C-alpha atoms as a PDB file:
ATOM      1  CA  MET A   1      29.575  15.750 -18.056  1.00  0.00           C
ATOM      2  CA  ALA A   2      26.742  15.446 -15.350  1.00  0.00           C
ATOM      3  CA  LEU A   3      24.402  12.810 -15.026  1.00  0.00           C
ATOM      4  CA  ILE A   4      21.409  13.967 -13.354  1.00  0.00           C
ATOM      5  CA  ILE A   5      18.560  11.253 -12.839  1.00  0.00           C
ATOM      6  CA  VAL A   6      14.860  12.773 -11.634  1.00  0.00           C
ATOM      7  CA  LEU A   7      12.586  10.729  -9.911  1.00  0.00           C
ATOM      8  CA  ASP A   8       8.951  12.026 -10.413  1.00  0.00           C
ATOM      9  CA  PHE A   9       6.735   9.912  -8.466  1.00  0.00           C
ATOM     10  CA  VAL A  10       3.731  10.708  -6.078  1.00  0.00           C
ATOM     11  CA  VAL A  11       5.225   9.736  -2.413  1.00  0.00           C
ATOM     12  CA  GLN A  12       1.659   9.691  -0.669  1.00  0.00           C
ATOM     13  CA  PRO A  13      -1.813  10.200  -2.690  1.00  0.00           C
ATOM     14  CA  PRO A  14      -3.230  13.813  -2.192  1.00  0.00           C
ATOM     15  CA  HIS A  15      -7.113  13.461   0.262  1.00  0.00           C
ATOM     16  CA  LEU A  16      -7.071   9.826   1.280  1.00  0.00           C
ATOM     17  CA  PRO A  17      -8.744   8.861   4.122  1.00  0.00           C
ATOM     18  CA  GLN A  18      -5.608   7.113   6.405  1.00  0.00           C
ATOM     19  CA  TYR A  19      -5.916   4.494   9.141  1.00  0.00           C
ATOM     20  CA  SER A  20      -4.213   5.117  12.112  1.00  0.00           C
ATOM     21  CA  PRO A  21      -0.624   4.339  12.441  1.00  0.00           C
ATOM     22  CA  ARG A  22      -1.338   1.018  14.573  1.00  0.00           C
ATOM     23  CA  GLU A  23      -3.921   0.350  11.980  1.00  0.00           C
ATOM     24  CA  ALA A  24      -2.346   0.466   9.321  1.00  0.00           C
ATOM     25  CA  LEU A  25       0.858  -1.504  11.013  1.00  0.00           C
ATOM     26  CA  ARG A  26      -1.186  -4.220  11.030  1.00  0.00           C
ATOM     27  CA  LYS A  27      -3.597  -3.967   7.711  1.00  0.00           C
ATOM     28  CA  GLY A  28       0.519  -3.356   5.651  1.00  0.00           C
ATOM     29  CA  THR A  29      -0.827   0.496   4.589  1.00  0.00           C
ATOM     30  CA  LEU A  30      -1.478   4.052   5.518  1.00  0.00           C
ATOM     31  CA  TRP A  31      -5.105   4.244   3.127  1.00  0.00           C
ATOM     32  CA  PRO A  32      -8.199   2.148   3.099  1.00  0.00           C
ATOM     33  CA  ALA A  33      -8.199   2.439  -0.666  1.00  0.00           C
ATOM     34  CA  LEU A  34      -4.760   0.376  -0.747  1.00  0.00           C
ATOM     35  CA  TYR A  35      -5.237  -2.230   1.337  1.00  0.00           C
ATOM     36  CA  PHE A  36      -6.819  -6.054  -0.214  1.00  0.00           C
ATOM     37  CA  PRO A  37      -6.950  -8.519   2.639  1.00  0.00           C
ATOM     38  CA  TYR A  38      -5.302 -11.772   1.060  1.00  0.00           C
ATOM     39  CA  ARG A  39      -7.766 -14.832   1.401  1.00  0.00           C
ATOM     40  CA  GLY A  40      -5.655 -17.132  -0.452  1.00  0.00           C
ATOM     41  CA  THR A  41      -5.637 -19.307  -3.862  1.00  0.00           C
ATOM     42  CA  GLU A  42      -8.679 -21.675  -4.447  1.00  0.00           C
ATOM     43  CA  HIS A  43      -6.694 -24.520  -3.123  1.00  0.00           C
ATOM     44  CA  GLU A  44      -5.089 -23.182   0.027  1.00  0.00           C
ATOM     45  CA  ARG A  45      -9.128 -22.308   1.032  1.00  0.00           C
ATOM     46  CA  ASP A  46      -9.978 -25.761  -0.207  1.00  0.00           C
ATOM     47  CA  ALA A  47      -7.592 -27.280   1.940  1.00  0.00           C
END
């Protein structure tokens, strides 16, 4: 008996603009639509 596992997922979102490779490494994502800068928690910002 053979067990076949199929992984069905999208590797790259279609038709989204992309950062340059250097900018993508700095921001941590290739797509501007998926970039959300970390602003810390309220406690960290008040310190």
